[in-house]
Amino acid sequence: MSSSSKQDAISEVQSAPPTPRPPPPPVSTPPSQIQSPRAPSGDRSPLHAMASPLRAMATPLASPVRKALAGVKAVGNITRLADPRDAWLPITESRSGNAYYAAFHNLSSGIGFQALVLPTAFASLGWTWAIICLTLAFGWQLYTLWLLVRLHEPVAGATRYSRYMHLANTVFGDKWAKILALLPLLYLSAGICTALIIVGGGSMKSLFSIACGESCLTRNLTTVEWYLVFVCAAALLSQLPNLNSIAGVSLVGATAAVAYCTMIWVVSVAKGRVAGVSYDPVKATNDVDATLGILNGLGIIAFAFRGHNVVLEIQGTMPSTLKHPSHVPMWKGVKVAYAIIALCLYPIAIGGFWAYGNQIPSNGILSALYKFHSRDVSRLVLGTTTLLVIINCLTTYQIYAMPMYDNMEAGYVHKKNRPCPWWMRSGFRAFFGAINFLIAVALPFLSQLAGLLGGISLPVTLAYPCFMWVAIKKPRKGTATWNVNWALGILGMGISVVLIVGNLWGLVETGLRLNFFKPDNMQ
């Protein structure tokens, strides 16, 4: 269109008389004009008033954003949330953690009752191979732990992966993440909580017998009743609101674990080797039984290393800025925690096998202490050791249950778009404890499945972090990083499959005492 025709059209429009129209309905100010000059108060509609920044910050969706930004004082200190509603959930509700809290949580989650079973792996593998496998597994899992710490926030200031399942969904996709990671993560949270009820409740029963003595006239509670006592205590302790708030609980649990591990191996070594001790691997009647014994030993070693399923959650409790990323204090805490863990695992495995050899019970060194030294060790020492085991089980229960609490509350928060009320939060945690109690009563033979469960959960610890690093960091093909991570990931998956198949085969061959709803028969 020529310039003259444009001017004619404009003049026609300007010369046209205005057509009377009804006044338009009041419209709220668009977001882009929130900072425009204010209109007179008499002309502001209710919808326009709702568009003000202060009122917007009072809406349910903005509340977690305001809470997350409450401590921000300068540009560059903002931590990006994958979902603003994360500020309402137990894991990411508080981000005031530090290296000390990381050490407490990692030490509490990384050492516990599973360490007591390590000497039985030595009975299957023998001195040399057991020490080699334990050392390789320790170094391997420490490397994958470093990978997860760095993958928590792959790009500074970008999205933080504060949950293992969130990272798995990003790497594998929703469908494959559920297939590959959901069951192992479910076991590593709910399954370990159930095992803690079995160990903690059984230890409560043993403590009562030790304190009361052989001539006690008071009737001891049944195993099921002691399980219930333990669950009630754990549910009461679980009312602390979020992961950051249980840092003191983790410190108590970590201290108890280090104390009882030290006491058990020191007493066992001090009392000397039991009569008829032998250090040769258990003689098998055929090659099949020998293979199954080796696989069971490897599964027990794999079962001894846990905590990778909560490491991202622990790091999610820390603040992270461009100048001070969260991986720095997290790795400091991890190094301290795992140095202490190594000082506990190696003495209890080596000292326990030295003291009891092939005679060590399948339940581990604590059962061996009761079996061989119940009469020549003072009741005070036995009672103190048992009490420390109970305290550790109660405190460790809290950190492994936290991802399940988080999932329960996430369903409510995402549906209602508001934080979970205190009474519903308490109800969720009591319900989770009741489910674990039911499983502990129904399946008291879980301790016999240590090798199988170690194989199922092994990819979470040794394989998946390697694949996640390759998928997110994208190292150049053929480089050392690319080759090492692919090799470790494939090797980890292969070992997991072999352990699962081998232990299932062993259960079919040797049988399993399936004492459903009969926990007293397993004591």
Protein backbone atom coordinates (compact mmCIF):
# COMPACT_ATOMS: atom_id res chain seq x y z
CA MET A 1 0.00 0.00 0.00
CA SER A 2 1.37 3.46 -0.93
CA SER A 3 2.04 6.17 1.65
CA SER A 4 -0.75 8.40 0.23
CA SER A 5 -3.35 5.63 0.59
CA LYS A 6 -2.19 4.95 4.19
CA GLN A 7 -2.64 8.63 5.08
CA ASP A 8 -6.15 8.67 3.50
CA ALA A 9 -7.14 5.63 5.53
CA ILE A 10 -5.82 7.20 8.72
CA SER A 11 -7.64 10.44 8.05
CA GLU A 12 -10.86 8.55 7.45
CA VAL A 13 -10.52 6.71 10.72
CA GLN A 14 -9.70 9.86 12.65
CA SER A 15 -12.57 11.78 11.09
CA ALA A 16 -15.14 9.08 11.81
CA PRO A 17 -17.45 10.03 14.68
CA PRO A 18 -17.06 7.90 17.79
CA THR A 19 -19.65 5.21 18.18
CA PRO A 20 -21.15 5.18 21.67
CA ARG A 21 -20.33 1.88 23.42
CA PRO A 22 -21.09 0.51 26.83
CA PRO A 23 -18.19 0.83 29.30
CA PRO A 24 -15.93 -2.24 29.24
CA PRO A 25 -15.91 -4.55 32.28
CA PRO A 26 -13.07 -4.01 34.75
CA VAL A 27 -9.99 -6.02 33.85
CA SER A 28 -7.10 -6.83 36.18
CA THR A 29 -3.70 -5.45 35.38
CA PRO A 30 -1.56 -7.80 33.26
CA PRO A 31 1.57 -9.13 34.93
CA SER A 32 3.75 -7.03 32.64
CA GLN A 33 2.09 -3.82 33.94
CA ILE A 34 2.14 -4.53 37.66
CA GLN A 35 4.77 -1.82 38.14
CA SER A 36 2.82 0.79 36.09
CA PRO A 37 1.60 4.02 37.80
CA ARG A 38 -1.20 3.43 40.24
CA ALA A 39 -4.71 4.42 39.26
CA PRO A 40 -6.88 6.31 41.72
CA SER A 41 -8.19 4.06 44.42
CA GLY A 42 -11.76 4.70 43.38
CA ASP A 43 -11.13 3.31 39.88
CA ARG A 44 -9.45 0.08 41.05
CA SER A 45 -11.54 -3.04 40.71
CA PRO A 46 -11.33 -6.00 43.14
CA LEU A 47 -9.61 -8.06 40.45
CA HIS A 48 -7.09 -5.27 39.94
CA ALA A 49 -6.38 -5.24 43.66
CA MET A 50 -5.69 -8.96 43.62
CA ALA A 51 -2.99 -8.38 41.01
CA SER A 52 -0.77 -6.43 43.39
CA PRO A 53 2.53 -8.08 44.28
CA LEU A 54 1.81 -8.30 48.01
CA ARG A 55 -1.50 -10.00 47.46
CA ALA A 56 0.04 -12.36 44.89
CA MET A 57 2.63 -13.42 47.46
CA ALA A 58 -0.24 -14.42 49.76
CA THR A 59 -1.58 -17.00 47.34
CA PRO A 60 -0.88 -20.69 48.10
CA LEU A 61 1.46 -21.18 45.13
CA ALA A 62 3.53 -18.10 45.99
CA SER A 63 3.95 -19.03 49.66
CA PRO A 64 6.72 -21.59 49.10
CA VAL A 65 8.45 -19.19 46.74
CA ARG A 66 8.39 -16.47 49.39
CA LYS A 67 9.68 -18.96 51.95
CA ALA A 68 12.49 -20.11 49.65
CA LEU A 69 13.55 -16.52 48.94
CA ALA A 70 13.28 -15.30 52.53
CA GLY A 71 17.02 -15.51 53.13
CA VAL A 72 18.12 -14.08 49.79
CA LYS A 73 19.99 -10.78 50.17
CA ALA A 74 21.78 -10.37 46.86
CA VAL A 75 21.51 -11.42 43.25
CA GLY A 76 23.29 -14.70 42.61
CA ASN A 77 22.25 -16.32 45.88
CA ILE A 78 19.00 -17.76 44.57
CA THR A 79 18.57 -21.53 44.73
CA ARG A 80 16.27 -22.72 41.98
CA LEU A 81 13.53 -25.11 43.04
CA ALA A 82 12.35 -27.78 40.59
CA ASP A 83 8.87 -27.15 41.98
CA PRO A 84 8.10 -24.19 44.30
CA ARG A 85 5.95 -26.52 46.38
CA ASP A 86 9.13 -28.35 47.44
CA ALA A 87 9.35 -25.79 50.24
CA TRP A 88 6.36 -27.53 51.85
CA LEU A 89 7.86 -31.05 51.79
CA PRO A 90 9.92 -32.62 54.61
CA ILE A 91 13.15 -33.09 52.65
CA THR A 92 13.42 -29.57 51.21
CA GLU A 93 11.38 -27.66 53.78
CA SER A 94 14.54 -26.40 55.48
CA ARG A 95 17.76 -25.57 53.63
CA SER A 96 19.96 -24.52 56.54
CA GLY A 97 22.17 -27.63 56.64
CA ASN A 98 25.96 -27.62 56.75
CA ALA A 99 28.96 -29.95 56.59
CA TYR A 100 28.41 -31.09 60.19
CA TYR A 101 24.81 -32.08 59.49
CA ALA A 102 25.95 -33.90 56.36
CA ALA A 103 28.50 -35.88 58.37
CA PHE A 104 25.88 -36.80 61.00
CA HIS A 105 23.32 -37.95 58.43
CA ASN A 106 25.79 -39.88 56.27
CA LEU A 107 27.35 -41.60 59.25
CA SER A 108 23.96 -42.56 60.65
CA SER A 109 22.70 -43.87 57.30
CA GLY A 110 25.99 -45.49 56.28
CA ILE A 111 26.63 -47.71 59.28
CA GLY A 112 24.30 -49.87 61.31
CA PHE A 113 23.11 -53.40 61.87
CA GLN A 114 24.22 -54.51 58.38
CA ALA A 115 27.85 -54.12 59.47
CA LEU A 116 27.31 -56.83 62.09
CA VAL A 117 26.76 -59.42 59.35
CA LEU A 118 30.07 -58.76 57.56
CA PRO A 119 32.05 -61.53 59.36
CA THR A 120 29.70 -64.12 57.84
CA ALA A 121 30.87 -63.01 54.37
CA PHE A 122 34.44 -63.78 55.45
CA ALA A 123 33.31 -67.29 56.40
CA SER A 124 32.14 -67.82 52.81
CA LEU A 125 35.01 -66.11 50.97
CA GLY A 126 38.01 -66.64 53.23
CA TRP A 127 40.51 -64.06 54.47
CA THR A 128 42.10 -62.94 51.23
CA TRP A 129 39.12 -62.68 48.91
CA ALA A 130 36.88 -61.19 51.57
CA ILE A 131 39.31 -58.36 52.31
CA ILE A 132 39.88 -57.72 48.59
CA CYS A 133 36.14 -57.65 47.83
CA LEU A 134 35.40 -55.45 50.85
CA THR A 135 38.09 -52.95 49.84
CA LEU A 136 37.02 -52.83 46.19
CA ALA A 137 33.37 -52.40 47.18
CA PHE A 138 34.23 -49.61 49.62
CA GLY A 139 36.24 -47.68 47.03
CA TRP A 140 33.62 -48.25 44.34
CA GLN A 141 30.72 -47.03 46.44
CA LEU A 142 32.73 -44.00 47.60
CA TYR A 143 33.33 -43.08 43.95
CA THR A 144 29.64 -43.37 43.05
CA LEU A 145 28.81 -41.33 46.14
CA TRP A 146 31.06 -38.57 44.80
CA LEU A 147 29.22 -38.78 41.47
CA LEU A 148 25.86 -38.29 43.19
CA VAL A 149 27.15 -35.34 45.21
CA ARG A 150 28.23 -33.61 41.99
CA LEU A 151 25.02 -34.57 40.15
CA HIS A 152 22.83 -32.99 42.81
CA GLU A 153 23.33 -29.65 41.08
CA PRO A 154 25.01 -30.37 37.73
CA VAL A 155 25.00 -26.70 36.72
CA ALA A 156 25.53 -24.03 39.36
CA GLY A 157 22.34 -22.09 39.95
CA ALA A 158 20.25 -24.53 37.90
CA THR A 159 17.83 -27.25 38.97
CA ARG A 160 18.76 -29.21 42.09
CA TYR A 161 17.95 -32.92 42.21
CA SER A 162 17.05 -33.32 45.87
CA ARG A 163 15.57 -36.81 45.47
CA TYR A 164 17.09 -39.92 43.92
CA MET A 165 13.88 -40.71 42.05
CA HIS A 166 13.81 -37.21 40.54
CA LEU A 167 17.30 -37.75 39.12
CA ALA A 168 16.33 -41.22 37.88
CA ASN A 169 13.26 -39.80 36.11
CA THR A 170 15.41 -37.17 34.42
CA VAL A 171 17.97 -39.69 33.16
CA PHE A 172 15.90 -42.80 32.41
CA GLY A 173 12.46 -41.30 31.81
CA ASP A 174 9.37 -41.87 33.94
CA LYS A 175 8.63 -45.38 32.65
CA TRP A 176 12.12 -46.85 32.91
CA ALA A 177 12.83 -45.06 36.19
CA LYS A 178 9.89 -46.88 37.76
CA ILE A 179 11.06 -50.20 36.32
CA LEU A 180 14.74 -49.83 37.26
CA ALA A 181 14.81 -47.72 40.40
CA LEU A 182 11.44 -47.76 42.15
CA LEU A 183 11.67 -51.26 43.69
CA PRO A 184 15.28 -50.90 44.96
CA LEU A 185 14.52 -47.46 46.40
CA LEU A 186 11.35 -48.76 48.01
CA TYR A 187 13.32 -51.54 49.66
CA LEU A 188 16.11 -49.20 50.74
CA SER A 189 13.57 -47.01 52.53
CA ALA A 190 10.61 -49.12 53.63
CA GLY A 191 12.51 -52.42 53.62
CA ILE A 192 15.31 -51.15 55.83
CA CYS A 193 12.76 -49.61 58.20
CA THR A 194 11.12 -53.04 58.49
CA ALA A 195 14.50 -54.67 59.13
CA LEU A 196 15.21 -52.05 61.79
CA ILE A 197 11.97 -52.99 63.54
CA ILE A 198 13.00 -56.65 63.54
CA VAL A 199 16.50 -55.91 64.85
CA GLY A 200 15.42 -53.19 67.28
CA GLY A 201 12.44 -55.10 68.65
CA GLY A 202 14.49 -58.27 69.07
CA SER A 203 17.21 -56.28 70.84
CA MET A 204 14.61 -54.82 73.21
CA LYS A 205 13.56 -58.34 74.14
CA SER A 206 17.20 -59.34 74.69
CA LEU A 207 17.84 -56.23 76.80
CA PHE A 208 14.89 -57.09 79.04
CA SER A 209 16.21 -60.62 79.54
CA ILE A 210 19.73 -59.34 80.30
CA ALA A 211 18.50 -56.71 82.75
CA CYS A 212 16.05 -59.02 84.47
CA GLY A 213 18.39 -61.99 84.75
CA GLU A 214 17.71 -65.72 84.79
CA SER A 215 15.84 -65.60 88.09
CA CYS A 216 13.45 -62.86 86.97
CA LEU A 217 9.81 -63.52 87.86
CA THR A 218 8.41 -60.88 85.51
CA ARG A 219 7.02 -62.24 82.26
CA ASN A 220 8.87 -61.01 79.22
CA LEU A 221 6.83 -59.56 76.37
CA THR A 222 6.46 -61.56 73.20
CA THR A 223 8.48 -60.63 70.13
CA VAL A 224 5.43 -59.10 68.45
CA GLU A 225 4.77 -56.95 71.51
CA TRP A 226 8.38 -55.72 71.50
CA TYR A 227 8.03 -54.89 67.80
CA LEU A 228 5.01 -52.79 68.72
CA VAL A 229 6.93 -51.00 71.47
CA PHE A 230 9.69 -50.17 69.01
CA VAL A 231 7.25 -48.90 66.38
CA CYS A 232 5.49 -46.67 68.91
CA ALA A 233 8.82 -45.16 69.98
CA ALA A 234 9.88 -44.66 66.34
CA ALA A 235 6.52 -43.06 65.44
CA LEU A 236 6.81 -40.68 68.38
CA LEU A 237 10.31 -39.67 67.34
CA SER A 238 9.17 -39.22 63.73
CA GLN A 239 7.06 -36.18 64.63
CA LEU A 240 10.08 -33.96 64.00
CA PRO A 241 8.99 -32.05 60.90
CA ASN A 242 11.78 -32.33 58.34
CA LEU A 243 15.12 -33.89 57.47
CA ASN A 244 17.11 -30.94 58.77
CA SER A 245 15.41 -31.12 62.15
CA ILE A 246 16.68 -34.66 62.82
CA ALA A 247 20.37 -33.73 62.57
CA GLY A 248 20.68 -34.14 66.33
CA VAL A 249 18.92 -37.48 66.14
CA SER A 250 21.37 -38.63 63.46
CA LEU A 251 24.28 -37.53 65.65
CA VAL A 252 22.98 -39.65 68.52
CA GLY A 253 22.44 -42.62 66.19
CA ALA A 254 25.88 -42.30 64.60
CA THR A 255 27.53 -42.12 68.02
CA ALA A 256 25.62 -45.19 69.17
CA ALA A 257 26.62 -47.14 66.03
CA VAL A 258 30.32 -46.32 66.39
CA ALA A 259 30.16 -47.19 70.10
CA TYR A 260 28.50 -50.59 69.78
CA CYS A 261 30.59 -51.61 66.75
CA THR A 262 33.73 -50.81 68.73
CA MET A 263 32.50 -52.54 71.88
CA ILE A 264 31.52 -55.71 70.05
CA TRP A 265 34.80 -56.27 68.20
CA VAL A 266 36.94 -55.21 71.18
CA VAL A 267 35.16 -57.63 73.53
CA SER A 268 35.26 -60.43 70.96
CA VAL A 269 38.99 -59.99 70.33
CA ALA A 270 39.77 -59.55 74.03
CA LYS A 271 38.09 -62.84 74.88
CA GLY A 272 40.21 -64.63 72.30
CA ARG A 273 39.32 -67.18 69.67
CA VAL A 274 36.60 -69.68 70.45
CA ALA A 275 37.46 -73.36 70.75
CA GLY A 276 37.82 -75.22 67.46
CA VAL A 277 37.91 -72.06 65.34
CA SER A 278 38.72 -72.49 61.65
CA TYR A 279 39.34 -69.87 58.99
CA ASP A 280 38.99 -72.01 55.91
CA PRO A 281 35.99 -71.25 53.71
CA VAL A 282 33.02 -73.44 54.50
CA LYS A 283 33.43 -76.76 52.74
CA ALA A 284 30.67 -77.38 50.24
CA THR A 285 29.48 -80.81 49.19
CA ASN A 286 29.49 -79.85 45.51
CA ASP A 287 30.40 -77.04 43.15
CA VAL A 288 26.86 -75.65 43.16
CA ASP A 289 26.86 -75.14 46.93
CA ALA A 290 30.33 -73.60 46.77
CA THR A 291 29.18 -71.12 44.13
CA LEU A 292 26.08 -70.24 46.12
CA GLY A 293 28.19 -69.63 49.21
CA ILE A 294 30.47 -67.24 47.32
CA LEU A 295 27.51 -65.36 45.86
CA ASN A 296 25.91 -65.08 49.27
CA GLY A 297 29.14 -63.64 50.68
CA LEU A 298 29.35 -61.07 47.89
CA GLY A 299 25.71 -60.15 48.47
CA ILE A 300 26.37 -59.57 52.18
CA ILE A 301 29.26 -57.24 51.35
CA ALA A 302 27.03 -55.35 48.91
CA PHE A 303 24.31 -55.20 51.58
CA ALA A 304 26.80 -53.62 54.03
CA PHE A 305 27.03 -50.40 51.99
CA ARG A 306 23.90 -48.32 52.08
CA GLY A 307 22.94 -44.65 52.17
CA HIS A 308 23.17 -43.74 48.48
CA ASN A 309 19.39 -43.60 48.29
CA VAL A 310 19.34 -40.67 50.75
CA VAL A 311 22.52 -38.79 49.80
CA LEU A 312 20.72 -36.45 47.38
CA GLU A 313 18.06 -35.84 50.01
CA ILE A 314 20.74 -34.96 52.59
CA GLN A 315 22.38 -32.52 50.20
CA GLY A 316 18.96 -31.03 49.48
CA THR A 317 18.87 -29.66 53.03
CA MET A 318 21.84 -27.36 52.32
CA PRO A 319 21.82 -23.86 50.87
CA SER A 320 23.48 -23.50 47.49
CA THR A 321 24.68 -20.32 45.82
CA LEU A 322 26.85 -19.52 42.84
CA LYS A 323 29.73 -18.66 45.14
CA HIS A 324 29.12 -21.43 47.65
CA PRO A 325 27.65 -24.53 45.92
CA SER A 326 26.22 -27.24 48.13
CA HIS A 327 28.61 -29.95 46.93
CA VAL A 328 31.53 -28.39 48.84
CA PRO A 329 30.21 -28.80 52.42
CA MET A 330 28.46 -32.02 51.43
CA TRP A 331 31.68 -33.67 50.28
CA LYS A 332 33.47 -32.50 53.41
CA GLY A 333 30.84 -34.19 55.54
CA VAL A 334 30.95 -37.35 53.41
CA LYS A 335 34.73 -37.66 53.74
CA VAL A 336 34.60 -37.42 57.52
CA ALA A 337 31.65 -39.82 57.77
CA TYR A 338 33.16 -42.51 55.55
CA ALA A 339 36.55 -42.31 57.22
CA ILE A 340 34.77 -43.21 60.48
CA ILE A 341 32.70 -45.87 58.71
CA ALA A 342 35.89 -47.53 57.42
CA LEU A 343 37.31 -47.52 60.96
CA CYS A 344 34.21 -49.42 62.07
CA LEU A 345 33.64 -51.85 59.19
CA TYR A 346 37.14 -53.26 58.86
CA PRO A 347 37.76 -54.01 62.58
CA ILE A 348 34.35 -55.57 63.08
CA ALA A 349 34.68 -57.73 59.95
CA ILE A 350 38.29 -58.80 60.52
CA GLY A 351 38.11 -58.97 64.33
CA GLY A 352 34.81 -60.83 64.28
CA PHE A 353 36.04 -63.44 61.84
CA TRP A 354 39.30 -63.82 63.78
CA ALA A 355 37.41 -64.47 67.01
CA TYR A 356 34.68 -66.80 65.72
CA GLY A 357 35.85 -68.07 62.34
CA ASN A 358 33.43 -70.43 60.62
CA GLN A 359 31.41 -70.76 63.81
CA ILE A 360 29.92 -67.30 63.52
CA PRO A 361 26.09 -67.47 63.34
CA SER A 362 24.28 -66.40 60.19
CA ASN A 363 22.77 -63.43 62.06
CA GLY A 364 26.22 -61.91 62.62
CA ILE A 365 28.66 -61.00 65.31
CA LEU A 366 26.10 -59.73 67.84
CA SER A 367 24.47 -63.17 67.96
CA ALA A 368 27.95 -64.68 68.31
CA LEU A 369 28.62 -62.44 71.31
CA TYR A 370 25.45 -63.66 73.02
CA LYS A 371 26.10 -67.28 72.07
CA PHE A 372 29.75 -67.61 73.13
CA HIS A 373 30.20 -64.93 75.79
CA SER A 374 26.88 -64.55 77.58
CA ARG A 375 28.41 -66.06 80.73
CA ASP A 376 31.95 -64.68 80.73
CA VAL A 377 31.07 -61.07 79.84
CA SER A 378 29.39 -58.85 82.42
CA ARG A 379 25.71 -58.10 82.06
CA LEU A 380 26.56 -54.40 82.09
CA VAL A 381 28.64 -54.72 78.91
CA LEU A 382 26.04 -56.89 77.16
CA GLY A 383 23.21 -54.61 78.26
CA THR A 384 25.03 -51.45 77.18
CA THR A 385 25.84 -52.93 73.78
CA THR A 386 22.24 -54.00 73.27
CA LEU A 387 20.93 -50.59 74.38
CA LEU A 388 23.21 -48.86 71.86
CA VAL A 389 21.88 -51.13 69.10
CA ILE A 390 18.32 -50.13 70.02
CA ILE A 391 19.17 -46.42 70.03
CA ASN A 392 20.86 -46.71 66.64
CA CYS A 393 17.89 -48.56 65.14
CA LEU A 394 15.44 -45.93 66.42
CA THR A 395 17.46 -43.03 65.05
CA THR A 396 18.38 -44.66 61.73
CA TYR A 397 14.69 -45.43 61.19
CA GLN A 398 14.03 -41.67 60.98
CA ILE A 399 16.41 -40.89 58.13
CA TYR A 400 15.38 -43.90 56.01
CA ALA A 401 11.68 -43.20 56.56
CA MET A 402 11.99 -39.55 55.53
CA PRO A 403 11.81 -40.23 51.73
CA MET A 404 8.59 -42.19 52.31
CA TYR A 405 7.12 -39.36 54.40
CA ASP A 406 8.10 -36.98 51.62
CA ASN A 407 6.32 -39.08 48.99
CA MET A 408 3.17 -39.33 51.08
CA GLU A 409 3.00 -35.60 51.68
CA ALA A 410 3.87 -34.81 48.06
CA GLY A 411 0.67 -36.52 46.92
CA TYR A 412 -1.40 -34.27 49.17
CA VAL A 413 0.55 -31.08 48.38
CA HIS A 414 0.37 -31.54 44.61
CA LYS A 415 -3.34 -32.31 44.74
CA LYS A 416 -4.43 -29.61 47.19
CA ASN A 417 -1.73 -27.02 46.40
CA ARG A 418 -1.21 -26.26 50.07
CA PRO A 419 1.03 -27.57 52.84
CA CYS A 420 0.11 -30.72 54.68
CA PRO A 421 -1.57 -29.95 58.05
CA TRP A 422 0.18 -31.19 61.16
CA TRP A 423 -2.48 -33.78 62.00
CA MET A 424 -2.31 -35.32 58.54
CA ARG A 425 1.51 -35.34 58.64
CA SER A 426 1.36 -37.21 61.96
CA GLY A 427 -1.21 -39.60 60.51
CA PHE A 428 0.97 -40.38 57.50
CA ARG A 429 3.92 -41.23 59.72
CA ALA A 430 1.89 -43.37 62.08
CA PHE A 431 0.37 -45.20 59.10
CA PHE A 432 3.82 -45.88 57.64
CA GLY A 433 4.96 -47.30 60.98
CA ALA A 434 1.89 -49.54 61.14
CA ILE A 435 2.59 -50.93 57.65
CA ASN A 436 6.20 -51.67 58.59
CA PHE A 437 5.05 -53.36 61.79
CA LEU A 438 2.68 -55.59 59.84
CA ILE A 439 5.44 -56.59 57.42
CA ALA A 440 7.89 -57.27 60.27
CA VAL A 441 5.39 -59.59 61.93
CA ALA A 442 4.39 -61.29 58.71
CA LEU A 443 7.94 -61.70 57.31
CA PRO A 444 10.32 -62.17 60.26
CA PHE A 445 12.79 -64.13 58.08
CA LEU A 446 14.04 -61.05 56.19
CA SER A 447 17.49 -61.42 57.77
CA GLN A 448 17.96 -64.66 55.81
CA LEU A 449 17.51 -62.69 52.59
CA ALA A 450 20.49 -60.35 53.15
CA GLY A 451 22.35 -61.61 50.07
CA LEU A 452 19.30 -61.39 47.80
CA LEU A 453 18.33 -57.93 49.02
CA GLY A 454 21.92 -56.77 48.62
CA GLY A 455 21.79 -57.83 44.97
CA ILE A 456 18.50 -56.02 44.35
CA SER A 457 19.69 -52.75 45.85
CA LEU A 458 23.22 -52.91 44.44
CA PRO A 459 22.50 -50.94 41.20
CA VAL A 460 21.33 -47.92 43.22
CA THR A 461 24.72 -47.86 44.91
CA LEU A 462 27.19 -49.03 42.26
CA ALA A 463 25.63 -48.85 38.77
CA TYR A 464 23.00 -46.15 38.29
CA PRO A 465 25.20 -43.20 39.40
CA CYS A 466 27.69 -44.09 36.63
CA PHE A 467 24.98 -44.08 33.96
CA MET A 468 23.53 -40.84 35.36
CA TRP A 469 26.92 -39.14 35.14
CA VAL A 470 27.35 -40.12 31.48
CA ALA A 471 23.80 -39.03 30.61
CA ILE A 472 23.95 -35.62 32.32
CA LYS A 473 27.61 -34.60 32.08
CA LYS A 474 28.00 -36.08 28.57
CA PRO A 475 31.76 -36.76 28.60
CA ARG A 476 33.30 -37.16 25.17
CA LYS A 477 33.06 -40.72 23.86
CA GLY A 478 36.24 -42.69 24.31
CA THR A 479 37.66 -40.55 27.12
CA ALA A 480 38.76 -42.09 30.41
CA THR A 481 35.70 -40.75 32.24
CA TRP A 482 33.34 -42.16 29.61
CA ASN A 483 35.05 -45.59 29.62
CA VAL A 484 35.30 -45.89 33.41
CA ASN A 485 31.68 -45.00 34.07
CA TRP A 486 30.30 -47.25 31.37
CA ALA A 487 32.50 -50.12 32.55
CA LEU A 488 31.55 -49.71 36.22
CA GLY A 489 27.86 -49.31 35.38
CA ILE A 490 27.73 -52.45 33.23
CA LEU A 491 29.80 -54.41 35.75
CA GLY A 492 27.51 -53.32 38.56
CA MET A 493 24.40 -54.42 36.68
CA GLY A 494 26.05 -57.75 35.83
CA ILE A 495 26.99 -58.41 39.47
CA SER A 496 23.47 -57.49 40.55
CA VAL A 497 21.90 -59.99 38.14
CA VAL A 498 24.33 -62.73 39.19
CA LEU A 499 23.66 -62.10 42.90
CA ILE A 500 19.90 -62.12 42.45
CA VAL A 501 19.87 -65.31 40.37
CA GLY A 502 22.42 -67.04 42.57
CA ASN A 503 20.67 -66.24 45.84
CA LEU A 504 17.28 -67.23 44.45
CA TRP A 505 18.84 -70.48 43.31
CA GLY A 506 20.32 -70.97 46.75
CA LEU A 507 16.97 -70.42 48.43
CA VAL A 508 15.40 -73.03 46.17
CA GLU A 509 18.21 -75.52 46.81
CA THR A 510 18.65 -75.08 50.56
CA GLY A 511 15.17 -73.94 51.49
CA LEU A 512 13.98 -71.01 53.56
CA ARG A 513 12.32 -71.09 56.95
CA LEU A 514 9.09 -69.36 55.99
CA ASN A 515 7.72 -68.68 59.46
CA PHE A 516 4.97 -66.33 58.42
CA PHE A 517 3.51 -64.43 61.39
CA LYS A 518 5.81 -66.38 63.75
CA PRO A 519 8.61 -63.98 64.72
CA ASP A 520 9.26 -65.86 67.99
CA ASN A 521 10.49 -68.87 65.97
CA MET A 522 13.18 -66.72 64.34
CA GLN A 523 14.81 -65.52 67.57
